[in-house]
Amino acid sequence: MIDLTSLIKLAKDLNLIQQVRGKLMRRNEPAAEKLAEVLDELAKMVSALDEEIVRYLSLSFNDDTVVAGRTVLLGMEAGQSMLRMGEARGHCHKIGNIYDKYLKRWFHDVLDKNEAQQLDFLFDTLNTADSAMLYAMESVTGWLRDEARQTLDQVDFNDLLGANQRIRDARLQVRDARVQLTEAMSSLRAMQAEFIAAAKTI
């Protein structure tokens, strides 16, 4: 089963920014664009996980789709999902650099001491979020590897109905985790849009 709890918690923790956004918006600041950039980096990481899960869940087998579907499954069975998701990872150090250079001063100038300290802690966590992202990627890759192997076995024995049923069952297994991922990503994108808009008014 996929375990995305640490990544989902991390995304939800970013609601702290939402709670103080009113104060941040009252003071036009070029750093708003940099905050939007941070939110974009995080949303891309979350999106990459869901896209890989959807790649599997979108498969449907009949006589005309076996070759293309087998190709997707063979890649997943070999762990190629990790490579694709990895392209969206590795930006946590970039988030830390943006915070130190652009955001920390803004937050400490605009927010009260407690709020600024909470954001210091949050961005310190984000700076080391690679471990949470890596764990989520490994969890998704492992699940997809197992699912792909078993689905391939059914396809290779010409049990296309069974393969399709396995994929439908898998959708139910991961539905709740995907809903939470999507909600987290939607929240990140909404905040990103607000800070992009704020940056354009400067």
C-alpha atoms as a PDB file:
ATOM      1  CA  MET A   1       0.000   0.000   0.000  1.00  0.00           C
ATOM      2  CA  ILE A   2       1.181   3.530  -0.717  1.00  0.00           C
ATOM      3  CA  ASP A   3       2.206   5.660   2.258  1.00  0.00           C
ATOM      4  CA  LEU A   4       2.107   9.366   1.456  1.00  0.00           C
ATOM      5  CA  THR A   5       1.380  10.604   4.983  1.00  0.00           C
ATOM      6  CA  SER A   6       4.652  12.485   5.504  1.00  0.00           C
ATOM      7  CA  LEU A   7       4.385  14.305   2.185  1.00  0.00           C
ATOM      8  CA  ILE A   8       0.700  15.137   2.667  1.00  0.00           C
ATOM      9  CA  LYS A   9       1.458  16.454   6.171  1.00  0.00           C
ATOM     10  CA  LEU A  10       4.223  18.621   4.765  1.00  0.00           C
ATOM     11  CA  ALA A  11       1.893  20.091   2.141  1.00  0.00           C
ATOM     12  CA  LYS A  12      -0.804  20.719   4.749  1.00  0.00           C
ATOM     13  CA  ASP A  13       1.698  22.451   7.028  1.00  0.00           C
ATOM     14  CA  LEU A  14       2.027  25.070   4.317  1.00  0.00           C
ATOM     15  CA  ASN A  15      -1.442  26.272   5.256  1.00  0.00           C
ATOM     16  CA  LEU A  16       0.463  28.359   7.791  1.00  0.00           C
ATOM     17  CA  ILE A  17       1.327  30.642   4.859  1.00  0.00           C
ATOM     18  CA  GLN A  18      -2.370  30.862   4.039  1.00  0.00           C
ATOM     19  CA  GLN A  19      -3.093  31.957   7.615  1.00  0.00           C
ATOM     20  CA  VAL A  20      -0.701  34.910   7.423  1.00  0.00           C
ATOM     21  CA  ARG A  21      -1.143  35.789   3.754  1.00  0.00           C
ATOM     22  CA  GLY A  22      -3.322  38.809   4.591  1.00  0.00           C
ATOM     23  CA  LYS A  23      -0.445  40.441   6.459  1.00  0.00           C
ATOM     24  CA  LEU A  24       1.998  39.531   3.704  1.00  0.00           C
ATOM     25  CA  MET A  25      -0.270  40.919   0.972  1.00  0.00           C
ATOM     26  CA  ARG A  26      -0.642  44.259   2.747  1.00  0.00           C
ATOM     27  CA  ARG A  27       3.027  44.921   2.180  1.00  0.00           C
ATOM     28  CA  ASN A  28       3.901  44.706  -1.491  1.00  0.00           C
ATOM     29  CA  GLU A  29       7.214  42.948  -1.757  1.00  0.00           C
ATOM     30  CA  PRO A  30       9.240  41.602  -4.698  1.00  0.00           C
ATOM     31  CA  ALA A  31       9.777  38.476  -2.581  1.00  0.00           C
ATOM     32  CA  ALA A  32       6.129  37.524  -3.270  1.00  0.00           C
ATOM     33  CA  GLU A  33       7.301  36.210  -6.641  1.00  0.00           C
ATOM     34  CA  LYS A  34       9.939  34.093  -4.901  1.00  0.00           C
ATOM     35  CA  LEU A  35       7.344  32.677  -2.519  1.00  0.00           C
ATOM     36  CA  ALA A  36       5.243  31.751  -5.566  1.00  0.00           C
ATOM     37  CA  GLU A  37       8.326  29.988  -6.937  1.00  0.00           C
ATOM     38  CA  VAL A  38       8.682  27.929  -3.752  1.00  0.00           C
ATOM     39  CA  LEU A  39       5.029  26.913  -3.906  1.00  0.00           C
ATOM     40  CA  ASP A  40       5.492  25.934  -7.551  1.00  0.00           C
ATOM     41  CA  GLU A  41       8.441  23.684  -6.699  1.00  0.00           C
ATOM     42  CA  LEU A  42       6.397  21.894  -4.038  1.00  0.00           C
ATOM     43  CA  ALA A  43       3.330  21.543  -6.253  1.00  0.00           C
ATOM     44  CA  LYS A  44       5.463  20.000  -9.014  1.00  0.00           C
ATOM     45  CA  MET A  45       6.797  17.385  -6.604  1.00  0.00           C
ATOM     46  CA  VAL A  46       3.295  16.456  -5.427  1.00  0.00           C
ATOM     47  CA  SER A  47       1.986  16.413  -9.003  1.00  0.00           C
ATOM     48  CA  ALA A  48       4.747  14.068 -10.182  1.00  0.00           C
ATOM     49  CA  LEU A  49       3.632  11.406  -7.710  1.00  0.00           C
ATOM     50  CA  ASP A  50       0.014  11.540  -8.764  1.00  0.00           C
ATOM     51  CA  GLU A  51       0.876  11.543 -12.467  1.00  0.00           C
ATOM     52  CA  GLU A  52       2.798   8.299 -12.056  1.00  0.00           C
ATOM     53  CA  ILE A  53      -0.066   6.636 -10.201  1.00  0.00           C
ATOM     54  CA  VAL A  54      -2.506   7.821 -12.885  1.00  0.00           C
ATOM     55  CA  ARG A  55      -0.233   6.389 -15.587  1.00  0.00           C
ATOM     56  CA  TYR A  56      -0.983   2.949 -14.157  1.00  0.00           C
ATOM     57  CA  LEU A  57      -4.649   3.521 -13.291  1.00  0.00           C
ATOM     58  CA  SER A  58      -5.359   4.785 -16.832  1.00  0.00           C
ATOM     59  CA  LEU A  59      -4.393   1.492 -18.437  1.00  0.00           C
ATOM     60  CA  SER A  60      -7.148  -0.588 -19.986  1.00  0.00           C
ATOM     61  CA  PHE A  61      -6.495  -3.797 -21.873  1.00  0.00           C
ATOM     62  CA  ASN A  62      -8.127  -5.145 -24.969  1.00  0.00           C
ATOM     63  CA  ASP A  63      -6.711  -6.754 -28.122  1.00  0.00           C
ATOM     64  CA  ASP A  64      -5.772  -3.337 -29.538  1.00  0.00           C
ATOM     65  CA  THR A  65      -4.051  -1.929 -26.426  1.00  0.00           C
ATOM     66  CA  VAL A  66      -1.982  -4.886 -25.212  1.00  0.00           C
ATOM     67  CA  VAL A  67       1.317  -3.829 -26.788  1.00  0.00           C
ATOM     68  CA  ALA A  68       1.185  -0.224 -25.565  1.00  0.00           C
ATOM     69  CA  GLY A  69      -0.044  -1.273 -22.113  1.00  0.00           C
ATOM     70  CA  ARG A  70       2.655  -3.930 -21.739  1.00  0.00           C
ATOM     71  CA  THR A  71       5.278  -1.288 -22.544  1.00  0.00           C
ATOM     72  CA  VAL A  72       4.040   0.915 -19.691  1.00  0.00           C
ATOM     73  CA  LEU A  73       3.922  -2.027 -17.278  1.00  0.00           C
ATOM     74  CA  LEU A  74       7.398  -3.247 -18.227  1.00  0.00           C
ATOM     75  CA  GLY A  75       8.807   0.173 -17.365  1.00  0.00           C
ATOM     76  CA  MET A  76       7.001   0.265 -14.028  1.00  0.00           C
ATOM     77  CA  GLU A  77       8.051  -3.281 -13.180  1.00  0.00           C
ATOM     78  CA  ALA A  78      11.681  -2.239 -13.665  1.00  0.00           C
ATOM     79  CA  GLY A  79      11.266   0.839 -11.441  1.00  0.00           C
ATOM     80  CA  GLN A  80      11.274   3.527 -14.143  1.00  0.00           C
ATOM     81  CA  SER A  81       8.646   5.411 -12.143  1.00  0.00           C
ATOM     82  CA  MET A  82      11.403   6.450  -9.732  1.00  0.00           C
ATOM     83  CA  LEU A  83      13.352   8.047 -12.583  1.00  0.00           C
ATOM     84  CA  ARG A  84      10.378  10.040 -13.844  1.00  0.00           C
ATOM     85  CA  MET A  85       9.394  11.231 -10.371  1.00  0.00           C
ATOM     86  CA  GLY A  86      13.022  12.020  -9.607  1.00  0.00           C
ATOM     87  CA  GLU A  87      12.994  14.710 -12.279  1.00  0.00           C
ATOM     88  CA  ALA A  88      10.635  16.734 -10.058  1.00  0.00           C
ATOM     89  CA  ARG A  89      12.711  16.136  -6.928  1.00  0.00           C
ATOM     90  CA  GLY A  90      15.935  17.633  -5.767  1.00  0.00           C
ATOM     91  CA  HIS A  91      14.713  21.190  -5.446  1.00  0.00           C
ATOM     92  CA  CYS A  92      14.520  21.318  -1.653  1.00  0.00           C
ATOM     93  CA  HIS A  93      17.922  22.993  -1.409  1.00  0.00           C
ATOM     94  CA  LYS A  94      16.632  25.605  -3.854  1.00  0.00           C
ATOM     95  CA  ILE A  95      13.709  26.295  -1.501  1.00  0.00           C
ATOM     96  CA  GLY A  96      16.126  26.860   1.379  1.00  0.00           C
ATOM     97  CA  ASN A  97      18.223  29.259  -0.682  1.00  0.00           C
ATOM     98  CA  ILE A  98      15.152  31.281  -1.697  1.00  0.00           C
ATOM     99  CA  TYR A  99      14.011  31.466   1.910  1.00  0.00           C
ATOM    100  CA  ASP A 100      17.371  32.667   3.200  1.00  0.00           C
ATOM    101  CA  LYS A 101      17.882  35.221   0.425  1.00  0.00           C
ATOM    102  CA  TYR A 102      14.376  36.637  -0.109  1.00  0.00           C
ATOM    103  CA  LEU A 103      11.695  35.445   2.278  1.00  0.00           C
ATOM    104  CA  LYS A 104      13.103  35.438   5.792  1.00  0.00           C
ATOM    105  CA  ARG A 105      13.558  39.200   5.984  1.00  0.00           C
ATOM    106  CA  TRP A 106      10.093  39.794   4.529  1.00  0.00           C
ATOM    107  CA  PHE A 107       8.447  37.475   7.036  1.00  0.00           C
ATOM    108  CA  HIS A 108      10.323  38.921  10.004  1.00  0.00           C
ATOM    109  CA  ASP A 109       9.535  42.487   8.936  1.00  0.00           C
ATOM    110  CA  VAL A 110       5.802  41.909   8.380  1.00  0.00           C
ATOM    111  CA  LEU A 111       4.737  39.206  10.828  1.00  0.00           C
ATOM    112  CA  ASP A 112       4.766  39.068  14.583  1.00  0.00           C
ATOM    113  CA  LYS A 113       7.610  37.226  16.264  1.00  0.00           C
ATOM    114  CA  ASN A 114       5.690  33.991  16.832  1.00  0.00           C
ATOM    115  CA  GLU A 115       4.424  33.813  13.234  1.00  0.00           C
ATOM    116  CA  ALA A 116       7.886  34.518  11.846  1.00  0.00           C
ATOM    117  CA  GLN A 117       9.399  31.798  14.035  1.00  0.00           C
ATOM    118  CA  GLN A 118       6.762  29.315  12.878  1.00  0.00           C
ATOM    119  CA  LEU A 119       7.678  30.067   9.282  1.00  0.00           C
ATOM    120  CA  ASP A 120      11.378  29.725  10.114  1.00  0.00           C
ATOM    121  CA  PHE A 121      10.609  26.241  11.425  1.00  0.00           C
ATOM    122  CA  LEU A 122       8.411  25.385   8.437  1.00  0.00           C
ATOM    123  CA  PHE A 123      11.030  26.397   5.877  1.00  0.00           C
ATOM    124  CA  ASP A 124      13.735  24.615   7.839  1.00  0.00           C
ATOM    125  CA  THR A 125      11.590  21.491   7.483  1.00  0.00           C
ATOM    126  CA  LEU A 126      11.114  22.160   3.756  1.00  0.00           C
ATOM    127  CA  ASN A 127      14.853  22.572   3.341  1.00  0.00           C
ATOM    128  CA  THR A 128      15.247  18.940   4.426  1.00  0.00           C
ATOM    129  CA  ALA A 129      12.057  17.686   2.785  1.00  0.00           C
ATOM    130  CA  ASP A 130      14.034  15.511   0.407  1.00  0.00           C
ATOM    131  CA  SER A 131      13.674  12.629   2.879  1.00  0.00           C
ATOM    132  CA  ALA A 132       9.859  12.900   2.910  1.00  0.00           C
ATOM    133  CA  MET A 133       9.801  13.171  -0.873  1.00  0.00           C
ATOM    134  CA  LEU A 134      12.174  10.251  -1.314  1.00  0.00           C
ATOM    135  CA  TYR A 135      10.096   8.098   1.029  1.00  0.00           C
ATOM    136  CA  ALA A 136       6.920   8.937  -0.897  1.00  0.00           C
ATOM    137  CA  MET A 137       8.623   8.220  -4.224  1.00  0.00           C
ATOM    138  CA  GLU A 138       9.910   4.874  -2.975  1.00  0.00           C
ATOM    139  CA  SER A 139       6.467   3.987  -1.662  1.00  0.00           C
ATOM    140  CA  VAL A 140       4.782   4.816  -4.981  1.00  0.00           C
ATOM    141  CA  THR A 141       7.494   3.057  -6.998  1.00  0.00           C
ATOM    142  CA  GLY A 142       7.277  -0.081  -4.854  1.00  0.00           C
ATOM    143  CA  TRP A 143       3.509  -0.218  -5.127  1.00  0.00           C
ATOM    144  CA  LEU A 144       3.594   0.328  -8.887  1.00  0.00           C
ATOM    145  CA  ARG A 145       6.322  -2.305  -9.305  1.00  0.00           C
ATOM    146  CA  ASP A 146       4.195  -4.907  -7.513  1.00  0.00           C
ATOM    147  CA  GLU A 147       1.017  -3.924  -9.344  1.00  0.00           C
ATOM    148  CA  ALA A 148       2.768  -3.901 -12.715  1.00  0.00           C
ATOM    149  CA  ARG A 149       4.306  -7.332 -12.139  1.00  0.00           C
ATOM    150  CA  GLN A 150       0.990  -8.916 -11.209  1.00  0.00           C
ATOM    151  CA  THR A 151      -0.913  -7.138 -13.992  1.00  0.00           C
ATOM    152  CA  LEU A 152       1.745  -8.206 -16.517  1.00  0.00           C
ATOM    153  CA  ASP A 153       1.359 -11.812 -15.417  1.00  0.00           C
ATOM    154  CA  GLN A 154      -2.355 -11.608 -16.143  1.00  0.00           C
ATOM    155  CA  VAL A 155      -1.804  -9.915 -19.507  1.00  0.00           C
ATOM    156  CA  ASP A 156       0.799 -12.486 -20.515  1.00  0.00           C
ATOM    157  CA  PHE A 157      -1.657 -15.282 -19.694  1.00  0.00           C
ATOM    158  CA  ASN A 158      -4.211 -13.432 -21.865  1.00  0.00           C
ATOM    159  CA  ASP A 159      -6.396 -12.698 -18.832  1.00  0.00           C
ATOM    160  CA  LEU A 160      -7.242  -9.188 -19.969  1.00  0.00           C
ATOM    161  CA  LEU A 161     -10.457  -9.066 -17.970  1.00  0.00           C
ATOM    162  CA  GLY A 162      -8.499  -9.968 -14.830  1.00  0.00           C
ATOM    163  CA  ALA A 163      -5.856  -7.320 -15.610  1.00  0.00           C
ATOM    164  CA  ASN A 164      -8.534  -4.675 -16.033  1.00  0.00           C
ATOM    165  CA  GLN A 165     -10.187  -5.720 -12.769  1.00  0.00           C
ATOM    166  CA  ARG A 166      -6.849  -5.479 -10.952  1.00  0.00           C
ATOM    167  CA  ILE A 167      -6.422  -1.903 -12.177  1.00  0.00           C
ATOM    168  CA  ARG A 168      -9.976  -1.011 -11.085  1.00  0.00           C
ATOM    169  CA  ASP A 169      -9.296  -2.519  -7.649  1.00  0.00           C
ATOM    170  CA  ALA A 170      -6.034  -0.562  -7.409  1.00  0.00           C
ATOM    171  CA  ARG A 171      -7.912   2.688  -8.002  1.00  0.00           C
ATOM    172  CA  LEU A 172      -9.981   2.034  -4.898  1.00  0.00           C
ATOM    173  CA  GLN A 173      -6.869   1.222  -2.854  1.00  0.00           C
ATOM    174  CA  VAL A 174      -5.239   4.574  -3.540  1.00  0.00           C
ATOM    175  CA  ARG A 175      -8.290   6.799  -3.960  1.00  0.00           C
ATOM    176  CA  ASP A 176      -8.123   8.415  -0.501  1.00  0.00           C
ATOM    177  CA  ALA A 177      -4.396   9.103  -0.751  1.00  0.00           C
ATOM    178  CA  ARG A 178      -4.876  10.605  -4.227  1.00  0.00           C
ATOM    179  CA  VAL A 179      -7.716  12.833  -3.015  1.00  0.00           C
ATOM    180  CA  GLN A 180      -5.483  14.167  -0.223  1.00  0.00           C
ATOM    181  CA  LEU A 181      -2.611  14.691  -2.668  1.00  0.00           C
ATOM    182  CA  THR A 182      -4.875  16.577  -5.052  1.00  0.00           C
ATOM    183  CA  GLU A 183      -6.257  18.767  -2.272  1.00  0.00           C
ATOM    184  CA  ALA A 184      -2.736  19.597  -1.116  1.00  0.00           C
ATOM    185  CA  MET A 185      -1.632  20.397  -4.657  1.00  0.00           C
ATOM    186  CA  SER A 186      -4.723  22.528  -5.263  1.00  0.00           C
ATOM    187  CA  SER A 187      -4.016  24.529  -2.104  1.00  0.00           C
ATOM    188  CA  LEU A 188      -0.394  25.081  -3.158  1.00  0.00           C
ATOM    189  CA  ARG A 189      -1.450  26.231  -6.632  1.00  0.00           C
ATOM    190  CA  ALA A 190      -4.079  28.601  -5.236  1.00  0.00           C
ATOM    191  CA  MET A 191      -1.542  30.226  -2.912  1.00  0.00           C
ATOM    192  CA  GLN A 192       0.970  30.391  -5.749  1.00  0.00           C
ATOM    193  CA  ALA A 193      -1.526  32.263  -7.940  1.00  0.00           C
ATOM    194  CA  GLU A 194      -2.222  34.788  -5.194  1.00  0.00           C
ATOM    195  CA  PHE A 195       1.446  35.573  -4.665  1.00  0.00           C
ATOM    196  CA  ILE A 196       2.083  35.821  -8.407  1.00  0.00           C
ATOM    197  CA  ALA A 197      -0.764  38.333  -8.621  1.00  0.00           C
ATOM    198  CA  ALA A 198       0.655  40.238  -5.653  1.00  0.00           C
ATOM    199  CA  ALA A 199       4.097  40.392  -7.265  1.00  0.00           C
ATOM    200  CA  LYS A 200       2.598  41.881 -10.448  1.00  0.00           C
ATOM    201  CA  THR A 201       1.125  44.815  -8.510  1.00  0.00           C
ATOM    202  CA  ILE A 202       4.533  46.020  -7.393  1.00  0.00           C
END
